[in-house]
């Protein structure tokens, strides 16, 4: 059991780091175009908002939505406790949480495989990237197959749709933010507008990590710990980037 927990925790940390590396690079680029005082403000506020508020509250919100009888404050309190009744309720909602997080994770992988620009380690990667049109076909087929096999369980279908909808919304925000980065780097935009931009961008990647984490486990304390450690590592990379870029 201990080995399983350690394995899941390491998976969560690694997942958070991998999905947020782009975030760290873009943050460093924009931060280098800001004053030292504005950098310190963002690094302070960014940790509080992205790590403690979004990564801290979103897992509880997801559990609350899948178990509305708990109430929000009940979900917040009880998901951090070892109450057997609450554990039983969360276990019953496990299929909903896992399928939503799983769909999100699958689409994230397919998007990385077909759509994202990257350095090619093997010739096959270059070939796959050229077939980017297949991302949309495969994404649609994944959702269609899940709906087919869950036809008797509408809540599972709805959970899969929530996972896919969350992916496309956050993906759109990230693409828009990456395009906006070019305007902010070397621009005359105010430090306040740059901080607001980075906070929104940070929040999008935070949602990425939290929803995808439910594909690993439904244990909220474990998600909080894994995502939190990963987020602090990414923040360290951002800080180092502002000194070297």
Protein backbone atom coordinates (compact mmCIF):
# COMPACT_ATOMS: atom_id res chain seq x y z
CA UNK A 1 0.00 0.00 0.00
CA UNK A 2 2.82 2.39 0.89
CA UNK A 3 4.58 1.63 -2.40
CA UNK A 4 1.35 2.31 -4.30
CA UNK A 5 0.91 5.69 -2.59
CA UNK A 6 4.52 6.67 -3.33
CA UNK A 7 4.12 5.57 -6.95
CA UNK A 8 0.93 7.65 -7.38
CA UNK A 9 2.51 10.65 -5.63
CA UNK A 10 5.55 10.55 -7.92
CA UNK A 11 3.23 10.22 -10.92
CA UNK A 12 1.28 13.30 -9.84
CA UNK A 13 4.45 15.34 -9.30
CA UNK A 14 5.87 14.30 -12.68
CA UNK A 15 2.55 14.97 -14.43
CA UNK A 16 2.32 18.45 -12.89
CA UNK A 17 5.89 19.29 -13.93
CA UNK A 18 5.51 18.01 -17.51
CA UNK A 19 2.19 19.76 -18.14
CA UNK A 20 3.42 23.04 -16.65
CA UNK A 21 6.88 23.38 -18.22
CA UNK A 22 5.49 25.52 -21.07
CA UNK A 23 3.90 27.67 -18.39
CA UNK A 24 7.29 28.16 -16.69
CA UNK A 25 9.00 29.13 -19.96
CA UNK A 26 6.35 31.67 -20.97
CA UNK A 27 6.22 33.09 -17.44
CA UNK A 28 10.00 33.58 -17.50
CA UNK A 29 9.83 35.35 -20.89
CA UNK A 30 7.16 37.80 -19.73
CA UNK A 31 8.72 38.31 -16.30
CA UNK A 32 12.00 39.35 -17.93
CA UNK A 33 10.09 42.19 -19.59
CA UNK A 34 8.87 43.45 -16.19
CA UNK A 35 10.44 45.45 -13.38
CA UNK A 36 12.05 43.63 -10.45
CA UNK A 37 9.27 44.81 -8.12
CA UNK A 38 6.54 43.52 -10.45
CA UNK A 39 8.34 40.18 -10.72
CA UNK A 40 8.36 39.77 -6.95
CA UNK A 41 4.65 40.62 -6.78
CA UNK A 42 3.74 38.06 -9.40
CA UNK A 43 5.87 35.32 -7.85
CA UNK A 44 4.20 35.99 -4.48
CA UNK A 45 0.61 36.35 -5.73
CA UNK A 46 1.09 33.61 -8.31
CA UNK A 47 2.05 31.03 -5.72
CA UNK A 48 -0.91 32.01 -3.54
CA UNK A 49 -3.50 31.97 -6.36
CA UNK A 50 -2.27 29.11 -8.54
CA UNK A 51 -0.95 26.77 -5.84
CA UNK A 52 -3.15 27.42 -2.81
CA UNK A 53 -6.45 28.71 -4.23
CA UNK A 54 -6.89 26.89 -7.57
CA UNK A 55 -4.94 23.71 -6.84
CA UNK A 56 -6.19 23.76 -3.26
CA UNK A 57 -9.92 24.30 -3.86
CA UNK A 58 -10.58 22.81 -7.32
CA UNK A 59 -10.19 19.14 -6.24
CA UNK A 60 -12.76 19.74 -3.48
CA UNK A 61 -15.11 21.46 -5.95
CA UNK A 62 -14.88 18.45 -8.28
CA UNK A 63 -15.62 16.02 -5.44
CA UNK A 64 -18.51 18.24 -4.29
CA UNK A 65 -20.04 18.30 -7.79
CA UNK A 66 -19.88 14.51 -7.98
CA UNK A 67 -21.31 14.25 -4.43
CA UNK A 68 -23.68 17.25 -4.06
CA UNK A 69 -25.23 15.80 -0.88
CA UNK A 70 -22.02 16.68 0.99
CA UNK A 71 -22.33 20.41 0.36
CA UNK A 72 -19.27 22.48 -0.50
CA UNK A 73 -17.98 23.01 3.03
CA UNK A 74 -18.79 19.41 3.90
CA UNK A 75 -16.79 18.22 0.92
CA UNK A 76 -13.89 20.51 1.86
CA UNK A 77 -13.79 19.28 5.44
CA UNK A 78 -14.55 15.62 4.87
CA UNK A 79 -12.27 14.95 1.90
CA UNK A 80 -9.36 15.83 4.18
CA UNK A 81 -10.58 13.49 6.92
CA UNK A 82 -10.49 9.73 7.27
CA UNK A 83 -14.23 9.36 7.87
CA UNK A 84 -15.20 5.89 6.52
CA UNK A 85 -18.63 7.13 5.38
CA UNK A 86 -17.12 9.93 3.33
CA UNK A 87 -14.51 7.60 1.89
CA UNK A 88 -17.37 5.32 0.88
CA UNK A 89 -19.20 8.19 -0.88
CA UNK A 90 -16.06 9.21 -2.75
CA UNK A 91 -15.46 5.57 -3.73
CA UNK A 92 -18.98 5.40 -5.20
CA UNK A 93 -18.25 8.44 -7.33
CA UNK A 94 -14.88 7.00 -8.38
CA UNK A 95 -16.03 6.00 -11.91
CA UNK A 96 -17.27 9.54 -12.55
CA UNK A 97 -14.05 11.14 -11.34
CA UNK A 98 -11.75 8.68 -13.10
CA UNK A 99 -13.53 8.79 -16.45
CA UNK A 100 -13.61 12.61 -16.48
CA UNK A 101 -9.94 12.87 -15.56
CA UNK A 102 -9.05 10.00 -17.90
CA UNK A 103 -10.70 11.61 -20.94
CA UNK A 104 -8.95 14.88 -20.14
CA UNK A 105 -5.60 13.07 -19.90
CA UNK A 106 -6.12 11.14 -23.15
CA UNK A 107 -6.98 14.33 -25.07
CA UNK A 108 -4.00 16.09 -23.50
CA UNK A 109 -1.71 13.30 -24.75
CA UNK A 110 -3.22 13.26 -28.25
CA UNK A 111 -2.91 17.04 -28.45
CA UNK A 112 0.75 16.84 -27.44
CA UNK A 113 1.36 14.05 -29.95
CA UNK A 114 -0.27 15.67 -32.97
CA UNK A 115 -0.50 19.41 -32.32
CA UNK A 116 2.25 20.75 -30.07
CA UNK A 117 5.52 22.00 -31.54
CA UNK A 118 8.50 20.16 -30.08
CA UNK A 119 12.03 18.98 -30.74
CA UNK A 120 11.83 15.65 -32.55
CA UNK A 121 13.79 12.80 -30.99
CA UNK A 122 12.67 10.21 -33.58
CA UNK A 123 11.65 10.51 -37.23
CA UNK A 124 8.27 9.01 -36.34
CA UNK A 125 7.44 12.07 -34.21
CA UNK A 126 7.91 14.37 -37.19
CA UNK A 127 5.65 12.13 -39.29
CA UNK A 128 2.92 12.07 -36.61
CA UNK A 129 3.06 15.84 -36.18
CA UNK A 130 2.40 16.25 -39.91
CA UNK A 131 -0.85 14.30 -39.47
CA UNK A 132 -2.27 16.88 -37.05
CA UNK A 133 -5.72 16.66 -38.64
CA UNK A 134 -6.04 13.22 -37.04
CA UNK A 135 -6.06 14.74 -33.57
CA UNK A 136 -9.66 15.86 -34.01
CA UNK A 137 -10.68 12.55 -35.55
CA UNK A 138 -9.13 10.50 -32.73
CA UNK A 139 -10.46 12.83 -30.04
CA UNK A 140 -13.99 12.44 -31.44
CA UNK A 141 -13.61 8.65 -31.68
CA UNK A 142 -12.43 8.39 -28.06
CA UNK A 143 -15.50 10.29 -26.82
CA UNK A 144 -17.78 8.30 -29.14
CA UNK A 145 -16.44 4.94 -27.92
CA UNK A 146 -16.77 5.93 -24.27
CA UNK A 147 -20.35 7.04 -24.90
CA UNK A 148 -21.10 3.73 -26.65
CA UNK A 149 -19.74 1.54 -23.85
CA UNK A 150 -21.46 3.72 -21.22
CA UNK A 151 -24.79 3.94 -23.02
CA UNK A 152 -26.64 2.49 -20.02
CA UNK A 153 -24.95 4.88 -17.60
CA UNK A 154 -25.71 8.48 -18.65
CA UNK A 155 -23.76 10.00 -15.75
CA UNK A 156 -20.58 8.36 -17.04
CA UNK A 157 -21.22 9.86 -20.47
CA UNK A 158 -21.79 13.25 -18.88
CA UNK A 159 -18.53 12.92 -16.91
CA UNK A 160 -16.65 12.11 -20.12
CA UNK A 161 -18.19 15.17 -21.77
CA UNK A 162 -17.17 17.33 -18.80
CA UNK A 163 -13.59 16.05 -19.20
CA UNK A 164 -13.52 16.74 -22.94
CA UNK A 165 -15.21 20.14 -22.58
CA UNK A 166 -12.72 21.16 -19.88
CA UNK A 167 -9.85 20.13 -22.14
CA UNK A 168 -11.01 22.14 -25.15
CA UNK A 169 -11.77 25.22 -23.03
CA UNK A 170 -8.38 25.21 -21.28
CA UNK A 171 -6.62 24.35 -24.55
CA UNK A 172 -8.22 27.38 -26.19
CA UNK A 173 -7.16 29.63 -23.32
CA UNK A 174 -3.59 28.33 -23.51
CA UNK A 175 -3.37 28.87 -27.26
CA UNK A 176 -4.68 32.40 -26.87
CA UNK A 177 -2.22 33.08 -24.03
CA UNK A 178 0.71 31.81 -26.09
CA UNK A 179 -0.24 34.20 -28.89
CA UNK A 180 -0.59 37.08 -26.43
CA UNK A 181 2.91 36.35 -25.07
CA UNK A 182 4.47 37.83 -28.22
CA UNK A 183 2.65 41.09 -27.55
CA UNK A 184 3.80 41.33 -23.95
CA UNK A 185 7.48 40.41 -24.42
CA UNK A 186 9.31 43.60 -25.29
CA UNK A 187 6.08 45.61 -25.32
CA UNK A 188 5.18 48.81 -23.48
CA UNK A 189 2.23 47.19 -21.70
CA UNK A 190 1.96 48.05 -18.01
CA UNK A 191 3.28 45.70 -15.34
CA UNK A 192 -0.25 45.33 -13.96
CA UNK A 193 -1.60 44.06 -17.30
CA UNK A 194 1.31 41.62 -17.59
CA UNK A 195 0.67 40.30 -14.08
CA UNK A 196 -3.04 39.81 -14.86
CA UNK A 197 -2.12 37.99 -18.07
CA UNK A 198 0.27 35.67 -16.22
CA UNK A 199 -2.30 34.97 -13.48
CA UNK A 200 -4.90 33.88 -16.07
CA UNK A 201 -2.29 31.79 -17.87
CA UNK A 202 -1.17 30.24 -14.57
CA UNK A 203 -4.76 29.44 -13.66
CA UNK A 204 -5.33 27.60 -16.94
CA UNK A 205 -2.34 25.33 -16.35
CA UNK A 206 -3.47 24.80 -12.76
CA UNK A 207 -6.81 23.46 -14.02
CA UNK A 208 -4.86 21.17 -16.37
CA UNK A 209 -3.00 19.59 -13.49
CA UNK A 210 -5.99 19.18 -11.18
CA UNK A 211 -8.43 17.60 -13.66
CA UNK A 212 -5.77 15.29 -15.07
CA UNK A 213 -4.78 14.26 -11.54
CA UNK A 214 -8.14 12.50 -11.08
CA UNK A 215 -7.00 9.99 -13.70
CA UNK A 216 -4.34 8.92 -11.16
CA UNK A 217 -6.35 8.88 -7.94
CA UNK A 218 -9.51 10.21 -6.27
CA UNK A 219 -7.67 10.90 -3.02
CA UNK A 220 -7.87 14.68 -2.58
CA UNK A 221 -5.03 14.88 0.02
CA UNK A 222 -2.75 12.96 -2.35
CA UNK A 223 -3.69 15.24 -5.26
CA UNK A 224 -3.06 18.33 -3.13
CA UNK A 225 0.36 17.04 -2.09
CA UNK A 226 1.46 15.84 -5.54
CA UNK A 227 0.22 18.90 -7.44
CA UNK A 228 1.57 21.23 -4.75
CA UNK A 229 5.09 19.79 -4.87
CA UNK A 230 5.05 19.80 -8.68
CA UNK A 231 3.82 23.41 -8.76
CA UNK A 232 6.59 24.58 -6.43
CA UNK A 233 9.19 22.85 -8.62
CA UNK A 234 7.76 24.58 -11.71
CA UNK A 235 7.81 27.90 -9.84
CA UNK A 236 11.49 27.30 -9.03
CA UNK A 237 12.15 26.71 -12.75
CA UNK A 238 10.37 30.00 -13.50
CA UNK A 239 12.53 31.88 -10.99
CA UNK A 240 15.71 30.36 -12.44
CA UNK A 241 14.47 31.24 -15.93
CA UNK A 242 14.15 34.92 -15.05
CA UNK A 243 17.82 34.94 -14.10
CA UNK A 244 19.10 33.13 -17.17
CA UNK A 245 16.80 34.09 -20.09
